[in-house]
N, C-alpha and C. Protein backbone atom coordinates (compact mmCIF):
# COMPACT_ATOMS: atom_id res chain seq x y z
N MET A 1 -17.35 10.75 -4.75
CA MET A 1 -17.06 9.89 -5.75
C MET A 1 -17.02 8.31 -5.08
N ALA A 2 -17.33 7.42 -5.95
CA ALA A 2 -17.44 6.15 -5.39
C ALA A 2 -16.54 5.38 -5.03
N THR A 3 -16.20 4.46 -3.88
CA THR A 3 -14.97 4.07 -3.64
C THR A 3 -14.94 2.69 -4.62
N ILE A 4 -13.77 2.06 -4.49
CA ILE A 4 -13.60 0.96 -5.74
C ILE A 4 -14.24 -0.01 -5.31
N PHE A 5 -14.53 -0.19 -3.89
CA PHE A 5 -15.91 -1.17 -3.50
C PHE A 5 -16.96 -1.00 -4.19
N SER A 6 -17.51 0.33 -3.94
CA SER A 6 -18.74 0.36 -4.77
C SER A 6 -18.85 0.31 -6.19
N ARG A 7 -17.80 0.72 -6.87
CA ARG A 7 -17.90 0.50 -8.27
C ARG A 7 -17.64 -1.10 -8.42
N ILE A 8 -17.15 -2.06 -7.72
CA ILE A 8 -17.04 -3.28 -7.64
C ILE A 8 -18.53 -3.95 -7.51
N ILE A 9 -19.13 -3.43 -6.69
CA ILE A 9 -20.67 -3.73 -6.52
C ILE A 9 -21.31 -3.50 -7.50
N ALA A 10 -21.28 -2.33 -8.26
CA ALA A 10 -22.05 -1.85 -9.21
C ALA A 10 -21.62 -2.63 -10.71
N GLY A 11 -20.58 -3.25 -10.62
CA GLY A 11 -20.38 -3.93 -11.67
C GLY A 11 -19.20 -3.30 -12.79
N GLU A 12 -18.83 -2.12 -12.23
CA GLU A 12 -18.17 -1.41 -12.95
C GLU A 12 -16.52 -1.83 -13.21
N ILE A 13 -16.36 -2.52 -12.12
CA ILE A 13 -14.77 -3.23 -12.02
C ILE A 13 -15.23 -5.00 -11.95
N PRO A 14 -14.47 -5.70 -12.71
CA PRO A 14 -14.99 -6.98 -12.27
C PRO A 14 -14.35 -7.49 -10.95
N CYS A 15 -15.11 -8.61 -10.69
CA CYS A 15 -14.55 -9.29 -9.49
C CYS A 15 -14.92 -10.59 -9.53
N HIS A 16 -14.50 -11.71 -8.37
CA HIS A 16 -14.69 -12.93 -8.43
C HIS A 16 -15.72 -13.00 -7.29
N LYS A 17 -17.04 -12.59 -7.65
CA LYS A 17 -17.94 -12.51 -6.66
C LYS A 17 -18.32 -13.96 -5.85
N ILE A 18 -18.57 -13.93 -4.54
CA ILE A 18 -18.67 -15.15 -3.77
C ILE A 18 -20.21 -15.05 -3.60
N ALA A 19 -20.70 -14.05 -2.83
CA ALA A 19 -21.86 -13.85 -2.43
C ALA A 19 -22.70 -12.44 -2.34
N GLU A 20 -23.90 -12.26 -2.31
CA GLU A 20 -24.44 -11.04 -2.16
C GLU A 20 -25.87 -11.14 -1.65
N ASP A 21 -26.25 -10.30 -1.02
CA ASP A 21 -27.62 -9.98 -0.54
C ASP A 21 -28.05 -8.51 -0.79
N ASP A 22 -29.21 -8.06 -0.36
CA ASP A 22 -29.48 -6.69 -0.60
C ASP A 22 -28.87 -5.85 0.20
N GLU A 23 -27.93 -6.08 1.43
CA GLU A 23 -27.09 -5.40 2.18
C GLU A 23 -25.41 -5.43 2.00
N PHE A 24 -25.22 -6.62 1.47
CA PHE A 24 -23.90 -6.89 1.71
C PHE A 24 -23.38 -7.47 0.28
N PHE A 25 -21.91 -7.54 0.17
CA PHE A 25 -21.49 -8.20 -0.96
C PHE A 25 -19.98 -8.68 -0.49
N ALA A 26 -19.66 -9.96 -1.03
CA ALA A 26 -18.51 -10.67 -0.81
C ALA A 26 -17.92 -11.16 -2.03
N PHE A 27 -16.61 -10.71 -2.26
CA PHE A 27 -15.71 -11.26 -3.21
C PHE A 27 -14.24 -11.50 -2.76
N LEU A 28 -13.58 -12.27 -3.95
CA LEU A 28 -12.37 -12.57 -3.38
C LEU A 28 -11.21 -11.35 -3.64
N ASP A 29 -10.22 -11.09 -2.60
CA ASP A 29 -9.25 -10.17 -2.80
C ASP A 29 -8.25 -10.79 -3.85
N ILE A 30 -7.93 -9.68 -4.67
CA ILE A 30 -7.32 -10.08 -6.04
C ILE A 30 -5.63 -10.28 -5.81
N ASN A 31 -5.28 -9.69 -4.34
CA ASN A 31 -3.91 -10.08 -3.80
C ASN A 31 -3.98 -10.52 -2.41
N PRO A 32 -4.50 -11.77 -2.39
CA PRO A 32 -4.67 -12.56 -1.32
C PRO A 32 -3.33 -12.67 -0.27
N VAL A 33 -3.66 -12.85 1.16
CA VAL A 33 -2.52 -13.31 1.98
C VAL A 33 -2.79 -14.67 1.99
N ALA A 34 -3.79 -15.48 1.64
CA ALA A 34 -3.65 -16.68 1.72
C ALA A 34 -4.97 -17.10 0.53
N ALA A 35 -4.86 -18.25 0.04
CA ALA A 35 -6.12 -18.75 -0.82
C ALA A 35 -7.20 -18.66 -0.47
N GLY A 36 -8.28 -18.04 -1.04
CA GLY A 36 -9.52 -17.91 -0.87
C GLY A 36 -9.98 -16.56 0.02
N HIS A 37 -8.83 -15.73 0.21
CA HIS A 37 -9.09 -14.66 1.15
C HIS A 37 -10.28 -13.69 0.40
N THR A 38 -11.33 -13.45 1.22
CA THR A 38 -12.55 -12.83 0.91
C THR A 38 -12.80 -11.56 1.87
N LEU A 39 -13.18 -10.63 0.93
CA LEU A 39 -13.54 -9.57 1.34
C LEU A 39 -15.09 -9.15 1.24
N VAL A 40 -15.80 -8.85 2.61
CA VAL A 40 -17.05 -8.65 2.93
C VAL A 40 -17.39 -7.21 3.15
N VAL A 41 -18.40 -6.51 2.38
CA VAL A 41 -18.50 -5.24 2.39
C VAL A 41 -20.10 -4.79 2.35
N PRO A 42 -20.50 -3.91 3.16
CA PRO A 42 -21.93 -3.23 3.00
C PRO A 42 -22.03 -2.64 1.73
N ARG A 43 -23.27 -2.90 1.08
CA ARG A 43 -23.29 -2.10 -0.14
C ARG A 43 -23.31 -0.40 0.49
N GLN A 44 -23.75 -0.12 1.56
CA GLN A 44 -23.93 1.08 1.85
C GLN A 44 -22.30 1.46 1.99
N GLU A 45 -21.90 2.74 1.40
CA GLU A 45 -20.75 3.26 1.54
C GLU A 45 -20.59 4.14 2.83
N THR A 46 -19.82 3.26 3.76
CA THR A 46 -19.34 3.77 4.90
C THR A 46 -18.12 3.90 5.27
N ASP A 47 -17.26 4.62 5.71
CA ASP A 47 -15.76 4.67 5.67
C ASP A 47 -15.52 3.61 6.77
N TYR A 48 -16.04 3.52 8.14
CA TYR A 48 -15.14 3.21 8.89
C TYR A 48 -16.37 2.14 9.56
N ILE A 49 -16.02 0.89 9.81
CA ILE A 49 -16.83 -0.26 10.02
C ILE A 49 -17.43 0.16 11.30
N PHE A 50 -16.99 0.80 12.47
CA PHE A 50 -17.81 0.82 13.43
C PHE A 50 -18.53 2.24 13.38
N ASP A 51 -18.79 2.82 12.21
CA ASP A 51 -19.47 3.70 12.25
C ASP A 51 -21.01 3.14 11.92
N LEU A 52 -21.22 1.91 11.23
CA LEU A 52 -22.26 1.31 11.03
C LEU A 52 -23.16 1.22 12.25
N ASP A 53 -24.43 1.30 12.09
CA ASP A 53 -25.27 0.85 13.30
C ASP A 53 -25.24 -0.32 13.79
N ASP A 54 -25.53 -0.59 14.72
CA ASP A 54 -25.31 -1.97 15.67
C ASP A 54 -25.98 -3.07 14.98
N ALA A 55 -27.50 -2.74 14.52
CA ALA A 55 -27.87 -3.81 13.88
C ALA A 55 -27.39 -4.13 12.31
N MET A 56 -26.92 -2.85 11.58
CA MET A 56 -26.15 -3.58 10.31
C MET A 56 -24.94 -4.20 10.76
N LEU A 57 -24.00 -3.92 11.48
CA LEU A 57 -22.81 -4.70 12.05
C LEU A 57 -23.30 -5.80 12.20
N GLY A 58 -24.12 -6.19 13.23
CA GLY A 58 -24.68 -7.63 13.51
C GLY A 58 -24.94 -8.32 12.28
N ARG A 59 -25.67 -7.77 11.24
CA ARG A 59 -26.31 -8.47 10.11
C ARG A 59 -24.93 -8.75 9.32
N MET A 60 -23.89 -7.65 9.26
CA MET A 60 -22.85 -7.76 8.55
C MET A 60 -22.26 -9.17 9.29
N ILE A 61 -21.85 -9.08 10.17
CA ILE A 61 -21.15 -10.25 10.90
C ILE A 61 -21.79 -11.82 10.53
N ALA A 62 -23.05 -11.70 10.42
CA ALA A 62 -23.97 -12.95 10.12
C ALA A 62 -23.67 -13.36 8.77
N PHE A 63 -23.67 -12.26 7.74
CA PHE A 63 -23.38 -12.84 6.37
C PHE A 63 -21.93 -13.29 6.26
N ALA A 64 -21.02 -12.28 7.07
CA ALA A 64 -19.65 -13.13 7.02
C ALA A 64 -19.48 -14.61 7.61
N LYS A 65 -20.36 -14.71 8.73
CA LYS A 65 -20.31 -16.09 9.20
C LYS A 65 -20.59 -17.26 7.95
N ARG A 66 -21.60 -16.80 7.36
CA ARG A 66 -22.14 -17.85 6.25
C ARG A 66 -21.08 -17.78 5.11
N VAL A 67 -20.26 -16.78 4.70
CA VAL A 67 -19.26 -16.81 3.78
C VAL A 67 -18.26 -17.81 4.24
N ALA A 68 -17.64 -17.54 5.52
CA ALA A 68 -16.61 -18.14 6.49
C ALA A 68 -17.09 -19.85 6.28
N ASN A 69 -18.19 -19.94 6.61
CA ASN A 69 -18.62 -21.26 6.72
C ASN A 69 -18.24 -22.09 5.20
N ALA A 70 -18.44 -21.46 4.06
CA ALA A 70 -18.39 -21.93 2.89
C ALA A 70 -17.04 -21.94 2.40
N GLN A 71 -16.25 -20.94 2.97
CA GLN A 71 -14.98 -21.02 2.88
C GLN A 71 -13.96 -22.31 3.80
N LYS A 72 -14.45 -22.50 4.80
CA LYS A 72 -14.10 -23.73 5.53
C LYS A 72 -14.36 -25.07 4.76
N THR A 73 -15.63 -25.09 4.14
CA THR A 73 -15.86 -25.96 3.15
C THR A 73 -15.12 -26.36 1.98
N ALA A 74 -14.78 -25.37 1.42
CA ALA A 74 -14.10 -25.14 0.18
C ALA A 74 -12.84 -25.46 0.20
N ILE A 75 -12.03 -24.40 1.37
CA ILE A 75 -10.60 -24.51 1.16
C ILE A 75 -10.06 -25.28 2.40
N ALA A 76 -9.17 -25.94 2.19
CA ALA A 76 -8.26 -26.83 3.24
C ALA A 76 -7.71 -25.93 4.36
N CYS A 77 -8.48 -25.83 5.45
CA CYS A 77 -7.74 -24.81 6.30
C CYS A 77 -8.38 -25.35 8.05
N LYS A 78 -7.79 -24.94 8.87
CA LYS A 78 -8.23 -25.18 10.18
C LYS A 78 -9.13 -24.21 10.73
N ARG A 79 -9.30 -22.95 10.27
CA ARG A 79 -10.13 -21.82 10.82
C ARG A 79 -10.32 -20.93 9.54
N VAL A 80 -11.15 -20.23 9.76
CA VAL A 80 -11.15 -18.90 8.85
C VAL A 80 -10.97 -17.61 9.72
N GLY A 81 -10.04 -16.92 9.54
CA GLY A 81 -9.60 -15.55 10.51
C GLY A 81 -10.56 -14.48 9.91
N LEU A 82 -10.56 -13.71 11.05
CA LEU A 82 -11.57 -12.47 10.57
C LEU A 82 -10.78 -11.26 10.96
N THR A 83 -10.45 -10.13 10.37
CA THR A 83 -9.79 -9.03 10.55
C THR A 83 -10.30 -7.77 9.78
N VAL A 84 -10.20 -6.81 10.55
CA VAL A 84 -10.83 -5.61 10.25
C VAL A 84 -9.61 -4.77 10.27
N ILE A 85 -8.99 -4.23 9.12
CA ILE A 85 -7.90 -3.21 9.09
C ILE A 85 -8.63 -1.83 8.56
N GLY A 86 -9.08 -1.73 7.40
CA GLY A 86 -9.92 -0.21 6.86
C GLY A 86 -8.78 0.58 6.66
N LEU A 87 -7.79 0.32 6.50
CA LEU A 87 -6.99 1.51 5.87
C LEU A 87 -6.86 1.78 4.35
N GLU A 88 -6.92 0.73 3.57
CA GLU A 88 -6.61 0.55 2.17
C GLU A 88 -7.76 1.29 1.58
N VAL A 89 -8.89 1.00 1.88
CA VAL A 89 -9.96 1.46 1.08
C VAL A 89 -11.21 1.95 2.02
N PRO A 90 -11.60 3.56 1.77
CA PRO A 90 -12.43 3.97 2.79
C PRO A 90 -13.98 3.65 2.30
N HIS A 91 -14.01 2.31 2.65
CA HIS A 91 -15.45 1.60 2.77
C HIS A 91 -15.19 0.47 3.56
N ALA A 92 -16.07 0.48 4.50
CA ALA A 92 -16.03 -0.78 5.60
C ALA A 92 -15.89 -1.96 5.10
N HIS A 93 -15.19 -2.97 5.54
CA HIS A 93 -14.68 -4.28 5.12
C HIS A 93 -14.26 -4.93 6.00
N ILE A 94 -14.53 -6.20 6.04
CA ILE A 94 -14.16 -7.34 6.70
C ILE A 94 -13.26 -8.49 5.79
N HIS A 95 -12.08 -8.64 6.35
CA HIS A 95 -11.04 -9.57 5.73
C HIS A 95 -11.62 -10.93 6.33
N LEU A 96 -11.74 -12.21 5.33
CA LEU A 96 -12.31 -13.24 5.98
C LEU A 96 -10.80 -14.19 5.07
N VAL A 97 -10.16 -15.12 5.98
CA VAL A 97 -8.81 -15.45 5.46
C VAL A 97 -8.62 -17.15 6.05
N PRO A 98 -8.71 -18.04 5.04
CA PRO A 98 -8.72 -19.18 5.40
C PRO A 98 -7.19 -19.38 5.95
N ILE A 99 -7.20 -20.21 7.23
CA ILE A 99 -5.56 -20.12 7.68
C ILE A 99 -5.65 -21.21 8.52
N THR A 100 -4.31 -21.72 8.49
CA THR A 100 -3.86 -23.34 9.33
C THR A 100 -2.95 -22.68 10.33
N CYS A 101 -2.29 -21.65 10.01
CA CYS A 101 -1.14 -21.20 11.44
C CYS A 101 -1.45 -19.64 11.17
N GLU A 102 -1.22 -18.80 12.35
CA GLU A 102 -1.51 -17.76 12.56
C GLU A 102 -0.55 -16.63 11.48
N SER A 103 0.36 -17.10 11.10
CA SER A 103 1.34 -16.34 10.21
C SER A 103 0.38 -16.21 8.92
N ASP A 104 -0.57 -17.13 8.69
CA ASP A 104 -1.31 -17.07 7.31
C ASP A 104 -2.47 -15.74 6.97
N ILE A 105 -2.49 -15.09 8.21
CA ILE A 105 -3.02 -13.92 8.26
C ILE A 105 -2.48 -12.47 8.46
N HIS A 106 -0.95 -12.70 8.33
CA HIS A 106 -0.16 -11.60 8.31
C HIS A 106 0.00 -10.75 7.14
N PHE A 107 -0.48 -9.60 7.24
CA PHE A 107 -0.70 -8.69 6.31
C PHE A 107 0.80 -7.74 6.04
N GLY A 108 1.50 -8.02 6.71
CA GLY A 108 3.08 -7.67 6.02
C GLY A 108 3.74 -8.41 5.43
N LYS A 109 3.29 -9.65 5.02
CA LYS A 109 4.12 -10.59 4.47
C LYS A 109 3.89 -10.08 3.01
N GLU A 110 4.66 -10.98 1.76
CA GLU A 110 4.25 -10.66 0.41
C GLU A 110 2.98 -11.12 0.14
N LYS A 111 2.04 -10.35 -0.59
CA LYS A 111 1.00 -11.10 -1.08
C LYS A 111 0.79 -11.92 -2.37
N GLN A 112 0.11 -12.76 -2.43
CA GLN A 112 0.29 -13.81 -3.22
C GLN A 112 -0.32 -12.99 -4.67
N THR A 113 -0.09 -13.72 -5.82
CA THR A 113 -0.45 -13.02 -7.25
C THR A 113 -0.82 -14.25 -8.01
N PRO A 114 -2.33 -14.67 -7.44
CA PRO A 114 -2.96 -15.80 -8.46
C PRO A 114 -3.29 -15.22 -9.73
N SER A 115 -3.33 -16.22 -10.67
CA SER A 115 -3.71 -16.05 -11.85
C SER A 115 -5.59 -15.80 -11.94
N GLN A 116 -6.17 -15.07 -12.82
CA GLN A 116 -7.31 -14.97 -12.86
C GLN A 116 -8.29 -16.40 -13.09
N GLU A 117 -7.57 -17.26 -13.66
CA GLU A 117 -8.06 -18.74 -13.65
C GLU A 117 -8.04 -19.26 -12.16
N GLU A 118 -7.12 -19.05 -11.56
CA GLU A 118 -7.06 -19.61 -9.89
C GLU A 118 -7.92 -18.92 -9.37
N LEU A 119 -8.07 -17.40 -9.42
CA LEU A 119 -9.28 -16.81 -8.66
C LEU A 119 -10.40 -17.45 -8.88
N SER A 120 -10.86 -17.73 -10.39
CA SER A 120 -12.18 -18.15 -10.75
C SER A 120 -12.45 -19.38 -10.33
N GLU A 121 -11.45 -20.35 -10.35
CA GLU A 121 -11.50 -21.55 -9.80
C GLU A 121 -12.04 -21.54 -8.06
N THR A 122 -11.11 -20.78 -7.59
CA THR A 122 -11.34 -20.63 -6.00
C THR A 122 -12.84 -20.26 -5.40
N ALA A 123 -13.20 -18.89 -6.53
CA ALA A 123 -14.38 -18.20 -6.16
C ALA A 123 -15.56 -19.49 -6.39
N GLY A 124 -15.64 -20.26 -7.57
CA GLY A 124 -16.49 -21.26 -7.88
C GLY A 124 -16.44 -22.14 -6.61
N LYS A 125 -15.56 -22.76 -6.18
CA LYS A 125 -15.87 -23.73 -5.19
C LYS A 125 -16.33 -22.94 -3.86
N ILE A 126 -15.85 -21.73 -3.59
CA ILE A 126 -16.59 -21.32 -2.25
C ILE A 126 -17.92 -20.94 -2.61
N ARG A 127 -18.56 -20.45 -3.83
CA ARG A 127 -19.56 -20.16 -4.06
C ARG A 127 -20.68 -21.30 -3.94
N ASN A 128 -20.37 -22.59 -4.38
CA ASN A 128 -20.80 -23.90 -4.31
C ASN A 128 -21.05 -24.19 -3.23
N ALA A 129 -20.01 -24.02 -1.97
CA ALA A 129 -20.43 -24.25 -0.79
C ALA A 129 -21.30 -23.49 -0.23
N TYR A 130 -21.43 -22.22 -0.41
CA TYR A 130 -22.23 -20.98 0.32
C TYR A 130 -23.65 -21.52 0.27
N LYS A 131 -24.11 -21.38 1.54
CA LYS A 131 -25.56 -21.63 1.71
C LYS A 131 -26.26 -20.50 2.50
């Protein structure tokens, strides 16, 4: 059975896409810990990020770097934090979170609940900055 991320990539479930290429897909988290919180996933359905081969993992980080640079341009923040938790969906993924302090990337706090319009606006800003 396909993971929710595979279904998002396939277009079966709508998302606020940021960027994609032949191997990777980036989209906004619908329950972000901070505005602009983006998920980067490989198209290849692999449960655990460290099960990806070294070359693919390197390419995934390079793709995530381009997304993070766009986030930094589009969202007021000091940095873009990166974390790999990987427990909530059995599909390798990286969380990229614009941060101004360490608590901005704390996953134990209450998640934000932006409207679809807010998500669409945020995604548009990041997409426009993506190179």
